Full PDB file with SEQRES, HELIX, SHEET, SSBOND, CRYST1, ORIGX, SCALE, CONECT and MASTER records, all heavy atoms in Angstrom:
SEQRES   1 A   44  ALA ALA ASN TYR TYR SER VAL LEU ASN GLY LEU ALA HIS          
SEQRES   2 A   44  CYS PHE LEU GLU ARG PHE TYR GLN PHE ARG HIS GLN GLU          
SEQRES   3 A   44  GLY LYS ALA LEU VAL GLY LYS LEU GLY VAL ALA VAL GLY          
SEQRES   4 A   44  VAL GLY GLY GLY MET                                          
HELIX    1 AA1 GLY A   10  GLU A   17  1                                   8    
HELIX    2 AA2 ARG A   18  PHE A   22  5                                   5    
HELIX    3 AA3 HIS A   24  GLU A   26  5                                   3    
CRYST1    1.000    1.000    1.000  90.00  90.00  90.00 P 1           1          
ORIGX1      1.000000  0.000000  0.000000        0.00000                         
ORIGX2      0.000000  1.000000  0.000000        0.00000                         
ORIGX3      0.000000  0.000000  1.000000        0.00000                         
SCALE1      1.000000  0.000000  0.000000        0.00000                         
SCALE2      0.000000  1.000000  0.000000        0.00000                         
SCALE3      0.000000  0.000000  1.000000        0.00000                         
ATOM      1  N   ALA A   1      40.482 123.928  61.207  1.00  0.00           N  
ATOM      2  CA  ALA A   1      39.483 123.377  60.285  1.00  0.00           C  
ATOM      3  C   ALA A   1      39.824 123.715  58.844  1.00  0.00           C  
ATOM      4  O   ALA A   1      40.581 124.669  58.598  1.00  0.00           O  
ATOM      5  CB  ALA A   1      38.073 123.901  60.634  1.00  0.00           C  
ATOM      6  N   ALA A   2      39.256 122.981  57.959  1.00  0.00           N  
ATOM      7  CA  ALA A   2      39.492 123.193  56.490  1.00  0.00           C  
ATOM      8  C   ALA A   2      38.316 123.872  55.893  1.00  0.00           C  
ATOM      9  O   ALA A   2      37.184 123.769  56.355  1.00  0.00           O  
ATOM     10  CB  ALA A   2      39.755 121.845  55.814  1.00  0.00           C  
ATOM     11  N   ASN A   3      38.550 124.576  54.778  1.00  0.00           N  
ATOM     12  CA  ASN A   3      37.515 125.257  54.050  1.00  0.00           C  
ATOM     13  C   ASN A   3      36.813 124.288  53.095  1.00  0.00           C  
ATOM     14  O   ASN A   3      37.385 123.804  52.120  1.00  0.00           O  
ATOM     15  CB  ASN A   3      38.134 126.406  53.216  1.00  0.00           C  
ATOM     16  CG  ASN A   3      37.087 127.157  52.397  1.00  0.00           C  
ATOM     17  OD1 ASN A   3      35.963 126.740  52.258  1.00  0.00           O  
ATOM     18  ND2 ASN A   3      37.523 128.296  51.862  1.00  0.00           N  
ATOM     19  N   TYR A   4      35.585 123.981  53.431  1.00  0.00           N  
ATOM     20  CA  TYR A   4      34.748 123.150  52.560  1.00  0.00           C  
ATOM     21  C   TYR A   4      33.542 124.078  52.157  1.00  0.00           C  
ATOM     22  O   TYR A   4      32.743 124.399  53.004  1.00  0.00           O  
ATOM     23  CB  TYR A   4      34.216 121.909  53.279  1.00  0.00           C  
ATOM     24  CG  TYR A   4      35.205 120.784  53.401  1.00  0.00           C  
ATOM     25  CD1 TYR A   4      36.599 120.962  53.256  1.00  0.00           C  
ATOM     26  CD2 TYR A   4      34.786 119.505  53.699  1.00  0.00           C  
ATOM     27  CE1 TYR A   4      37.503 119.949  53.407  1.00  0.00           C  
ATOM     28  CE2 TYR A   4      35.690 118.424  53.836  1.00  0.00           C  
ATOM     29  CZ  TYR A   4      37.041 118.685  53.680  1.00  0.00           C  
ATOM     30  OH  TYR A   4      37.962 117.646  53.846  1.00  0.00           O  
ATOM     31  N   TYR A   5      33.459 124.405  50.892  1.00  0.00           N  
ATOM     32  CA  TYR A   5      32.354 125.239  50.394  1.00  0.00           C  
ATOM     33  C   TYR A   5      32.262 126.545  51.098  1.00  0.00           C  
ATOM     34  O   TYR A   5      31.176 127.031  51.488  1.00  0.00           O  
ATOM     35  CB  TYR A   5      31.022 124.438  50.433  1.00  0.00           C  
ATOM     36  CG  TYR A   5      30.946 123.249  49.550  1.00  0.00           C  
ATOM     37  CD1 TYR A   5      31.240 121.989  49.985  1.00  0.00           C  
ATOM     38  CD2 TYR A   5      30.571 123.418  48.215  1.00  0.00           C  
ATOM     39  CE1 TYR A   5      31.221 120.904  49.142  1.00  0.00           C  
ATOM     40  CE2 TYR A   5      30.494 122.332  47.337  1.00  0.00           C  
ATOM     41  CZ  TYR A   5      30.866 121.059  47.838  1.00  0.00           C  
ATOM     42  OH  TYR A   5      30.786 119.990  47.006  1.00  0.00           O  
ATOM     43  N   SER A   6      33.396 127.135  51.436  1.00  0.00           N  
ATOM     44  CA  SER A   6      33.498 128.475  52.066  1.00  0.00           C  
ATOM     45  C   SER A   6      32.992 128.511  53.504  1.00  0.00           C  
ATOM     46  O   SER A   6      32.726 129.570  54.013  1.00  0.00           O  
ATOM     47  CB  SER A   6      32.747 129.513  51.219  1.00  0.00           C  
ATOM     48  OG  SER A   6      33.347 129.658  49.946  1.00  0.00           O  
ATOM     49  N   VAL A   7      32.944 127.325  54.140  1.00  0.00           N  
ATOM     50  CA  VAL A   7      32.676 127.303  55.585  1.00  0.00           C  
ATOM     51  C   VAL A   7      33.612 126.228  56.133  1.00  0.00           C  
ATOM     52  O   VAL A   7      34.243 125.477  55.389  1.00  0.00           O  
ATOM     53  CB  VAL A   7      31.222 126.963  55.949  1.00  0.00           C  
ATOM     54  CG1 VAL A   7      30.298 128.035  55.475  1.00  0.00           C  
ATOM     55  CG2 VAL A   7      30.818 125.628  55.341  1.00  0.00           C  
ATOM     56  N   LEU A   8      33.714 126.147  57.468  1.00  0.00           N  
ATOM     57  CA  LEU A   8      34.570 125.093  58.018  1.00  0.00           C  
ATOM     58  C   LEU A   8      33.945 123.742  57.733  1.00  0.00           C  
ATOM     59  O   LEU A   8      32.701 123.596  57.576  1.00  0.00           O  
ATOM     60  CB  LEU A   8      34.738 125.298  59.536  1.00  0.00           C  
ATOM     61  CG  LEU A   8      33.695 124.815  60.512  1.00  0.00           C  
ATOM     62  CD1 LEU A   8      34.237 124.848  61.932  1.00  0.00           C  
ATOM     63  CD2 LEU A   8      32.402 125.677  60.427  1.00  0.00           C  
ATOM     64  N   ASN A   9      34.807 122.749  57.569  1.00  0.00           N  
ATOM     65  CA  ASN A   9      34.342 121.379  57.187  1.00  0.00           C  
ATOM     66  C   ASN A   9      33.356 120.801  58.235  1.00  0.00           C  
ATOM     67  O   ASN A   9      33.351 121.155  59.410  1.00  0.00           O  
ATOM     68  CB  ASN A   9      35.517 120.430  56.979  1.00  0.00           C  
ATOM     69  CG  ASN A   9      36.336 120.196  58.276  1.00  0.00           C  
ATOM     70  OD1 ASN A   9      37.082 121.065  58.692  1.00  0.00           O  
ATOM     71  ND2 ASN A   9      36.136 119.055  58.875  1.00  0.00           N  
ATOM     72  N   GLY A  10      32.517 119.900  57.767  1.00  0.00           N  
ATOM     73  CA  GLY A  10      31.414 119.401  58.565  1.00  0.00           C  
ATOM     74  C   GLY A  10      31.789 118.722  59.851  1.00  0.00           C  
ATOM     75  O   GLY A  10      31.128 118.896  60.887  1.00  0.00           O  
ATOM     76  N   LEU A  11      32.880 117.954  59.875  1.00  0.00           N  
ATOM     77  CA  LEU A  11      33.317 117.274  61.079  1.00  0.00           C  
ATOM     78  C   LEU A  11      33.703 118.266  62.160  1.00  0.00           C  
ATOM     79  O   LEU A  11      33.311 118.081  63.347  1.00  0.00           O  
ATOM     80  CB  LEU A  11      34.521 116.352  60.736  1.00  0.00           C  
ATOM     81  CG  LEU A  11      35.091 115.497  61.854  1.00  0.00           C  
ATOM     82  CD1 LEU A  11      34.033 114.589  62.461  1.00  0.00           C  
ATOM     83  CD2 LEU A  11      36.294 114.665  61.343  1.00  0.00           C  
ATOM     84  N   ALA A  12      34.405 119.284  61.777  1.00  0.00           N  
ATOM     85  CA  ALA A  12      34.779 120.359  62.728  1.00  0.00           C  
ATOM     86  C   ALA A  12      33.558 121.113  63.241  1.00  0.00           C  
ATOM     87  O   ALA A  12      33.419 121.422  64.412  1.00  0.00           O  
ATOM     88  CB  ALA A  12      35.761 121.345  62.077  1.00  0.00           C  
ATOM     89  N   HIS A  13      32.579 121.329  62.333  1.00  0.00           N  
ATOM     90  CA  HIS A  13      31.362 122.017  62.711  1.00  0.00           C  
ATOM     91  C   HIS A  13      30.576 121.192  63.734  1.00  0.00           C  
ATOM     92  O   HIS A  13      30.093 121.718  64.753  1.00  0.00           O  
ATOM     93  CB  HIS A  13      30.537 122.313  61.469  1.00  0.00           C  
ATOM     94  CG  HIS A  13      29.529 123.412  61.662  1.00  0.00           C  
ATOM     95  ND1 HIS A  13      28.382 123.249  62.447  1.00  0.00           N  
ATOM     96  CD2 HIS A  13      29.469 124.641  61.163  1.00  0.00           C  
ATOM     97  CE1 HIS A  13      27.694 124.403  62.410  1.00  0.00           C  
ATOM     98  NE2 HIS A  13      28.331 125.262  61.652  1.00  0.00           N  
ATOM     99  N   CYS A  14      30.490 119.874  63.495  1.00  0.00           N  
ATOM    100  CA  CYS A  14      29.747 119.015  64.419  1.00  0.00           C  
ATOM    101  C   CYS A  14      30.391 119.029  65.789  1.00  0.00           C  
ATOM    102  O   CYS A  14      29.759 119.075  66.832  1.00  0.00           O  
ATOM    103  CB  CYS A  14      29.656 117.586  63.875  1.00  0.00           C  
ATOM    104  SG  CYS A  14      28.579 117.380  62.510  1.00  0.00           S  
ATOM    105  N   PHE A  15      31.750 118.941  65.796  1.00  0.00           N  
ATOM    106  CA  PHE A  15      32.513 118.981  67.046  1.00  0.00           C  
ATOM    107  C   PHE A  15      32.191 120.198  67.845  1.00  0.00           C  
ATOM    108  O   PHE A  15      31.926 120.171  69.064  1.00  0.00           O  
ATOM    109  CB  PHE A  15      33.965 118.883  66.724  1.00  0.00           C  
ATOM    110  CG  PHE A  15      34.932 119.036  67.900  1.00  0.00           C  
ATOM    111  CD1 PHE A  15      35.154 117.906  68.765  1.00  0.00           C  
ATOM    112  CD2 PHE A  15      35.554 120.196  68.179  1.00  0.00           C  
ATOM    113  CE1 PHE A  15      35.992 117.986  69.852  1.00  0.00           C  
ATOM    114  CE2 PHE A  15      36.404 120.362  69.280  1.00  0.00           C  
ATOM    115  CZ  PHE A  15      36.666 119.233  70.105  1.00  0.00           C  
ATOM    116  N   LEU A  16      32.220 121.369  67.166  1.00  0.00           N  
ATOM    117  CA  LEU A  16      31.987 122.633  67.853  1.00  0.00           C  
ATOM    118  C   LEU A  16      30.520 122.869  68.258  1.00  0.00           C  
ATOM    119  O   LEU A  16      30.190 123.484  69.242  1.00  0.00           O  
ATOM    120  CB  LEU A  16      32.498 123.819  66.978  1.00  0.00           C  
ATOM    121  CG  LEU A  16      34.045 123.875  66.882  1.00  0.00           C  
ATOM    122  CD1 LEU A  16      34.479 124.877  65.803  1.00  0.00           C  
ATOM    123  CD2 LEU A  16      34.673 124.240  68.207  1.00  0.00           C  
ATOM    124  N   GLU A  17      29.621 122.345  67.432  1.00  0.00           N  
ATOM    125  CA  GLU A  17      28.173 122.378  67.777  1.00  0.00           C  
ATOM    126  C   GLU A  17      27.942 121.702  69.164  1.00  0.00           C  
ATOM    127  O   GLU A  17      27.131 122.169  69.982  1.00  0.00           O  
ATOM    128  CB  GLU A  17      27.331 121.657  66.745  1.00  0.00           C  
ATOM    129  CG  GLU A  17      27.009 122.457  65.496  1.00  0.00           C  
ATOM    130  CD  GLU A  17      26.048 121.682  64.604  1.00  0.00           C  
ATOM    131  OE1 GLU A  17      25.295 120.798  65.163  1.00  0.00           O  
ATOM    132  OE2 GLU A  17      26.018 121.956  63.398  1.00  0.00           O  
ATOM    133  N   ARG A  18      28.668 120.652  69.400  1.00  0.00           N  
ATOM    134  CA  ARG A  18      28.445 119.871  70.618  1.00  0.00           C  
ATOM    135  C   ARG A  18      28.990 120.577  71.862  1.00  0.00           C  
ATOM    136  O   ARG A  18      28.734 120.151  72.969  1.00  0.00           O  
ATOM    137  CB  ARG A  18      29.104 118.512  70.464  1.00  0.00           C  
ATOM    138  CG  ARG A  18      28.478 117.690  69.330  1.00  0.00           C  
ATOM    139  CD  ARG A  18      27.138 117.038  69.684  1.00  0.00           C  
ATOM    140  NE  ARG A  18      27.430 115.973  70.568  1.00  0.00           N  
ATOM    141  CZ  ARG A  18      27.857 114.741  70.204  1.00  0.00           C  
ATOM    142  NH1 ARG A  18      28.061 114.475  68.942  1.00  0.00           N  
ATOM    143  NH2 ARG A  18      28.047 113.797  71.097  1.00  0.00           N  
ATOM    144  N   PHE A  19      29.628 121.714  71.705  1.00  0.00           N  
ATOM    145  CA  PHE A  19      29.993 122.573  72.865  1.00  0.00           C  
ATOM    146  C   PHE A  19      28.746 123.170  73.472  1.00  0.00           C  
ATOM    147  O   PHE A  19      28.834 123.750  74.535  1.00  0.00           O  
ATOM    148  CB  PHE A  19      30.957 123.708  72.410  1.00  0.00           C  
ATOM    149  CG  PHE A  19      32.410 123.316  72.255  1.00  0.00           C  
ATOM    150  CD1 PHE A  19      32.789 122.058  71.842  1.00  0.00           C  
ATOM    151  CD2 PHE A  19      33.369 124.238  72.626  1.00  0.00           C  
ATOM    152  CE1 PHE A  19      34.154 121.728  71.735  1.00  0.00           C  
ATOM    153  CE2 PHE A  19      34.747 123.914  72.550  1.00  0.00           C  
ATOM    154  CZ  PHE A  19      35.104 122.660  72.091  1.00  0.00           C  
ATOM    155  N   TYR A  20      27.632 123.033  72.879  1.00  0.00           N  
ATOM    156  CA  TYR A  20      26.337 123.485  73.392  1.00  0.00           C  
ATOM    157  C   TYR A  20      26.095 122.900  74.769  1.00  0.00           C  
ATOM    158  O   TYR A  20      25.488 123.531  75.651  1.00  0.00           O  
ATOM    159  CB  TYR A  20      25.214 123.132  72.454  1.00  0.00           C  
ATOM    160  CG  TYR A  20      23.885 123.644  72.837  1.00  0.00           C  
ATOM    161  CD1 TYR A  20      23.630 125.017  72.951  1.00  0.00           C  
ATOM    162  CD2 TYR A  20      22.787 122.771  73.089  1.00  0.00           C  
ATOM    163  CE1 TYR A  20      22.386 125.498  73.294  1.00  0.00           C  
ATOM    164  CE2 TYR A  20      21.525 123.259  73.448  1.00  0.00           C  
ATOM    165  CZ  TYR A  20      21.349 124.615  73.539  1.00  0.00           C  
ATOM    166  OH  TYR A  20      20.104 125.081  73.899  1.00  0.00           O  
ATOM    167  N   GLN A  21      26.638 121.708  75.005  1.00  0.00           N  
ATOM    168  CA  GLN A  21      26.439 121.069  76.293  1.00  0.00           C  
ATOM    169  C   GLN A  21      27.029 121.833  77.488  1.00  0.00           C  
ATOM    170  O   GLN A  21      26.602 121.623  78.629  1.00  0.00           O  
ATOM    171  CB  GLN A  21      27.073 119.667  76.298  1.00  0.00           C  
ATOM    172  CG  GLN A  21      28.594 119.691  76.130  1.00  0.00           C  
ATOM    173  CD  GLN A  21      29.172 118.251  76.014  1.00  0.00           C  
ATOM    174  OE1 GLN A  21      29.194 117.520  76.992  1.00  0.00           O  
ATOM    175  NE2 GLN A  21      29.656 117.926  74.840  1.00  0.00           N  
ATOM    176  N   PHE A  22      27.934 122.726  77.199  1.00  0.00           N  
ATOM    177  CA  PHE A  22      28.624 123.493  78.308  1.00  0.00           C  
ATOM    178  C   PHE A  22      27.908 124.809  78.644  1.00  0.00           C  
ATOM    179  O   PHE A  22      28.356 125.465  79.578  1.00  0.00           O  
ATOM    180  CB  PHE A  22      30.037 123.787  77.892  1.00  0.00           C  
ATOM    181  CG  PHE A  22      30.874 122.596  77.564  1.00  0.00           C  
ATOM    182  CD1 PHE A  22      31.363 122.350  76.283  1.00  0.00           C  
ATOM    183  CD2 PHE A  22      31.215 121.700  78.572  1.00  0.00           C  
ATOM    184  CE1 PHE A  22      32.097 121.252  75.964  1.00  0.00           C  
ATOM    185  CE2 PHE A  22      31.989 120.553  78.273  1.00  0.00           C  
ATOM    186  CZ  PHE A  22      32.441 120.355  76.970  1.00  0.00           C  
ATOM    187  N   ARG A  23      26.861 125.175  77.949  1.00  0.00           N  
ATOM    188  CA  ARG A  23      26.335 126.504  78.035  1.00  0.00           C  
ATOM    189  C   ARG A  23      25.200 126.699  79.053  1.00  0.00           C  
ATOM    190  O   ARG A  23      24.790 127.805  79.324  1.00  0.00           O  
ATOM    191  CB  ARG A  23      25.831 126.990  76.637  1.00  0.00           C  
ATOM    192  CG  ARG A  23      26.949 127.187  75.657  1.00  0.00           C  
ATOM    193  CD  ARG A  23      26.412 127.412  74.235  1.00  0.00           C  
ATOM    194  NE  ARG A  23      25.352 128.404  74.205  1.00  0.00           N  
ATOM    195  CZ  ARG A  23      25.513 129.712  74.109  1.00  0.00           C  
ATOM    196  NH1 ARG A  23      26.744 130.226  74.115  1.00  0.00           N  
ATOM    197  NH2 ARG A  23      24.516 130.554  74.017  1.00  0.00           N  
ATOM    198  N   HIS A  24      24.616 125.627  79.555  1.00  0.00           N  
ATOM    199  CA  HIS A  24      23.363 125.743  80.294  1.00  0.00           C  
ATOM    200  C   HIS A  24      23.563 126.217  81.714  1.00  0.00           C  
ATOM    201  O   HIS A  24      24.568 125.911  82.389  1.00  0.00           O  
ATOM    202  CB  HIS A  24      22.682 124.372  80.286  1.00  0.00           C  
ATOM    203  CG  HIS A  24      22.472 123.833  78.925  1.00  0.00           C  
ATOM    204  ND1 HIS A  24      21.719 124.492  77.962  1.00  0.00           N  
ATOM    205  CD2 HIS A  24      22.998 122.742  78.304  1.00  0.00           C  
ATOM    206  CE1 HIS A  24      21.717 123.767  76.834  1.00  0.00           C  
ATOM    207  NE2 HIS A  24      22.496 122.743  77.020  1.00  0.00           N  
ATOM    208  N   GLN A  25      22.543 126.916  82.228  1.00  0.00           N  
ATOM    209  CA  GLN A  25      22.496 127.355  83.641  1.00  0.00           C  
ATOM    210  C   GLN A  25      23.827 128.056  84.033  1.00  0.00           C  
ATOM    211  O   GLN A  25      24.408 127.734  85.072  1.00  0.00           O  
ATOM    212  CB  GLN A  25      22.209 126.187  84.551  1.00  0.00           C  
ATOM    213  CG  GLN A  25      20.902 125.481  84.199  1.00  0.00           C  
ATOM    214  CD  GLN A  25      20.502 124.459  85.235  1.00  0.00           C  
ATOM    215  OE1 GLN A  25      20.369 124.772  86.435  1.00  0.00           O  
ATOM    216  NE2 GLN A  25      20.232 123.238  84.797  1.00  0.00           N  
ATOM    217  N   GLU A  26      24.234 128.934  83.168  1.00  0.00           N  
ATOM    218  CA  GLU A  26      25.466 129.727  83.381  1.00  0.00           C  
ATOM    219  C   GLU A  26      26.694 128.786  83.598  1.00  0.00           C  
ATOM    220  O   GLU A  26      27.541 129.076  84.457  1.00  0.00           O  
ATOM    221  CB  GLU A  26      25.259 130.677  84.602  1.00  0.00           C  
ATOM    222  CG  GLU A  26      24.144 131.644  84.401  1.00  0.00           C  
ATOM    223  CD  GLU A  26      24.016 132.613  85.552  1.00  0.00           C  
ATOM    224  OE1 GLU A  26      24.960 132.743  86.354  1.00  0.00           O  
ATOM    225  OE2 GLU A  26      22.951 133.259  85.671  1.00  0.00           O  
ATOM    226  N   GLY A  27      26.743 127.736  82.806  1.00  0.00           N  
ATOM    227  CA  GLY A  27      27.881 126.852  82.885  1.00  0.00           C  
ATOM    228  C   GLY A  27      29.231 127.561  82.650  1.00  0.00           C  
ATOM    229  O   GLY A  27      29.325 128.387  81.761  1.00  0.00           O  
ATOM    230  N   LYS A  28      30.195 127.282  83.455  1.00  0.00           N  
ATOM    231  CA  LYS A  28      31.467 128.033  83.434  1.00  0.00           C  
ATOM    232  C   LYS A  28      32.648 127.180  82.916  1.00  0.00           C  
ATOM    233  O   LYS A  28      33.779 127.630  83.077  1.00  0.00           O  
ATOM    234  CB  LYS A  28      31.769 128.560  84.842  1.00  0.00           C  
ATOM    235  CG  LYS A  28      30.720 129.442  85.430  1.00  0.00           C  
ATOM    236  CD  LYS A  28      30.558 130.743  84.651  1.00  0.00           C  
ATOM    237  CE  LYS A  28      29.556 131.649  85.298  1.00  0.00           C  
ATOM    238  NZ  LYS A  28      29.337 132.917  84.506  1.00  0.00           N  
ATOM    239  N   ALA A  29      32.401 126.031  82.371  1.00  0.00           N  
ATOM    240  CA  ALA A  29      33.481 125.123  82.015  1.00  0.00           C  
ATOM    241  C   ALA A  29      34.408 125.707  80.975  1.00  0.00           C  
ATOM    242  O   ALA A  29      35.613 125.401  81.016  1.00  0.00           O  
ATOM    243  CB  ALA A  29      32.913 123.778  81.454  1.00  0.00           C  
ATOM    244  N   LEU A  30      33.917 126.562  80.110  1.00  0.00           N  
ATOM    245  CA  LEU A  30      34.770 127.119  79.047  1.00  0.00           C  
ATOM    246  C   LEU A  30      34.983 128.651  79.184  1.00  0.00           C  
ATOM    247  O   LEU A  30      35.830 129.217  78.508  1.00  0.00           O  
ATOM    248  CB  LEU A  30      34.152 126.823  77.672  1.00  0.00           C  
ATOM    249  CG  LEU A  30      33.786 125.378  77.354  1.00  0.00           C  
ATOM    250  CD1 LEU A  30      33.248 125.267  75.944  1.00  0.00           C  
ATOM    251  CD2 LEU A  30      34.945 124.452  77.574  1.00  0.00           C  
ATOM    252  N   VAL A  31      34.179 129.254  80.020  1.00  0.00           N  
ATOM    253  CA  VAL A  31      34.198 130.742  80.075  1.00  0.00           C  
ATOM    254  C   VAL A  31      35.562 131.261  80.504  1.00  0.00           C  
ATOM    255  O   VAL A  31      36.153 130.827  81.502  1.00  0.00           O  
ATOM    256  CB  VAL A  31      33.098 131.221  81.057  1.00  0.00           C  
ATOM    257  CG1 VAL A  31      33.212 132.754  81.281  1.00  0.00           C  
ATOM    258  CG2 VAL A  31      31.719 130.865  80.553  1.00  0.00           C  
ATOM    259  N   GLY A  32      36.072 132.234  79.726  1.00  0.00           N  
ATOM    260  CA  GLY A  32      37.320 132.887  80.046  1.00  0.00           C  
ATOM    261  C   GLY A  32      38.568 132.188  79.557  1.00  0.00           C  
ATOM    262  O   GLY A  32      39.689 132.664  79.744  1.00  0.00           O  
ATOM    263  N   LYS A  33      38.389 131.008  78.915  1.00  0.00           N  
ATOM    264  CA  LYS A  33      39.549 130.321  78.385  1.00  0.00           C  
ATOM    265  C   LYS A  33      40.030 130.989  77.111  1.00  0.00           C  
ATOM    266  O   LYS A  33      39.293 131.866  76.562  1.00  0.00           O  
ATOM    267  CB  LYS A  33      39.229 128.812  78.145  1.00  0.00           C  
ATOM    268  CG  LYS A  33      38.965 128.097  79.474  1.00  0.00           C  
ATOM    269  CD  LYS A  33      38.808 126.588  79.273  1.00  0.00           C  
ATOM    270  CE  LYS A  33      38.603 125.907  80.625  1.00  0.00           C  
ATOM    271  NZ  LYS A  33      38.538 124.414  80.530  1.00  0.00           N  
ATOM    272  N   LEU A  34      41.158 130.613  76.581  1.00  0.00           N  
ATOM    273  CA  LEU A  34      41.730 131.225  75.418  1.00  0.00           C  
ATOM    274  C   LEU A  34      41.702 130.274  74.234  1.00  0.00           C  
ATOM    275  O   LEU A  34      41.689 129.036  74.399  1.00  0.00           O  
ATOM    276  CB  LEU A  34      43.192 131.643  75.695  1.00  0.00           C  
ATOM    277  CG  LEU A  34      43.418 132.547  76.895  1.00  0.00           C  
ATOM    278  CD1 LEU A  34      44.936 132.831  77.036  1.00  0.00           C  
ATOM    279  CD2 LEU A  34      42.663 133.850  76.739  1.00  0.00           C  
ATOM    280  N   GLY A  35      41.638 130.845  73.031  1.00  0.00           N  
ATOM    281  CA  GLY A  35      41.647 130.057  71.828  1.00  0.00           C  
ATOM    282  C   GLY A  35      42.423 130.645  70.683  1.00  0.00           C  
ATOM    283  O   GLY A  35      42.618 131.848  70.623  1.00  0.00           O  
ATOM    284  N   VAL A  36      42.889 129.807  69.825  1.00  0.00           N  
ATOM    285  CA  VAL A  36      43.541 130.173  68.570  1.00  0.00           C  
ATOM    286  C   VAL A  36      42.801 129.466  67.456  1.00  0.00           C  
ATOM    287  O   VAL A  36      42.510 128.330  67.579  1.00  0.00           O  
ATOM    288  CB  VAL A  36      44.995 129.761  68.557  1.00  0.00           C  
ATOM    289  CG1 VAL A  36      45.628 129.899  67.166  1.00  0.00           C  
ATOM    290  CG2 VAL A  36      45.810 130.586  69.572  1.00  0.00           C  
ATOM    291  N   ALA A  37      42.497 130.241  66.414  1.00  0.00           N  
ATOM    292  CA  ALA A  37      41.755 129.710  65.243  1.00  0.00           C  
ATOM    293  C   ALA A  37      42.718 129.453  64.089  1.00  0.00           C  
ATOM    294  O   ALA A  37      43.506 130.322  63.731  1.00  0.00           O  
ATOM    295  CB  ALA A  37      40.654 130.674  64.810  1.00  0.00           C  
ATOM    296  N   VAL A  38      42.654 128.261  63.519  1.00  0.00           N  
ATOM    297  CA  VAL A  38      43.546 127.867  62.419  1.00  0.00           C  
ATOM    298  C   VAL A  38      42.726 127.497  61.233  1.00  0.00           C  
ATOM    299  O   VAL A  38      41.820 126.641  61.356  1.00  0.00           O  
ATOM    300  CB  VAL A  38      44.404 126.645  62.868  1.00  0.00           C  
ATOM    301  CG1 VAL A  38      45.205 126.103  61.675  1.00  0.00           C  
ATOM    302  CG2 VAL A  38      45.356 127.041  64.022  1.00  0.00           C  
ATOM    303  N   GLY A  39      42.972 128.089  60.100  1.00  0.00           N  
ATOM    304  CA  GLY A  39      42.263 127.792  58.889  1.00  0.00           C  
ATOM    305  C   GLY A  39      43.145 127.331  57.762  1.00  0.00           C  
ATOM    306  O   GLY A  39      44.240 127.774  57.608  1.00  0.00           O  
ATOM    307  N   VAL A  40      42.581 126.433  56.955  1.00  0.00           N  
ATOM    308  CA  VAL A  40      43.305 125.856  55.782  1.00  0.00           C  
ATOM    309  C   VAL A  40      42.348 125.747  54.631  1.00  0.00           C  
ATOM    310  O   VAL A  40      41.177 125.431  54.807  1.00  0.00           O  
ATOM    311  CB  VAL A  40      43.925 124.482  56.120  1.00  0.00           C  
ATOM    312  CG1 VAL A  40      44.444 123.789  54.874  1.00  0.00           C  
ATOM    313  CG2 VAL A  40      45.008 124.589  57.174  1.00  0.00           C  
ATOM    314  N   GLY A  41      42.822 126.015  53.451  1.00  0.00           N  
ATOM    315  CA  GLY A  41      42.031 125.868  52.252  1.00  0.00           C  
ATOM    316  C   GLY A  41      42.806 125.890  50.988  1.00  0.00           C  
ATOM    317  O   GLY A  41      43.912 126.558  50.962  1.00  0.00           O  
ATOM    318  N   GLY A  42      42.350 125.237  49.973  1.00  0.00           N  
ATOM    319  CA  GLY A  42      42.990 125.360  48.658  1.00  0.00           C  
ATOM    320  C   GLY A  42      42.889 126.764  48.164  1.00  0.00           C  
ATOM    321  O   GLY A  42      43.759 127.332  47.522  1.00  0.00           O  
ATOM    322  N   GLY A  43      41.760 127.406  48.500  1.00  0.00           N  
ATOM    323  CA  GLY A  43      41.526 128.836  48.272  1.00  0.00           C  
ATOM    324  C   GLY A  43      40.805 129.361  49.473  1.00  0.00           C  
ATOM    325  O   GLY A  43      40.085 128.634  50.184  1.00  0.00           O  
ATOM    326  N   MET A  44      40.970 130.614  49.802  1.00  0.00           N  
ATOM    327  CA  MET A  44      40.289 131.269  50.944  1.00  0.00           C  
ATOM    328  C   MET A  44      40.444 130.534  52.225  1.00  0.00           C  
ATOM    329  O   MET A  44      39.468 130.128  52.874  1.00  0.00           O  
ATOM    330  CB  MET A  44      38.816 131.498  50.615  1.00  0.00           C  
ATOM    331  CG  MET A  44      38.555 132.371  49.398  1.00  0.00           C  
ATOM    332  SD  MET A  44      36.828 132.736  49.128  1.00  0.00           S  
ATOM    333  CE  MET A  44      36.212 131.105  48.652  1.00  0.00           C  
TER     334      MET A  44                                                      
MASTER        0    0    0    3    0    0    0    6  333    1    0    4          
END                                                                             
């Protein structure tokens, strides 16, 4: 994601917000998986 106003850009935020669908009733679709975070910005 890119740095927009010192937070991740809105499109990326909306995408990750929608991961909420996986969390209910002890949903295991994502649990225990691995991730790498990539950041880009003109500054910070």
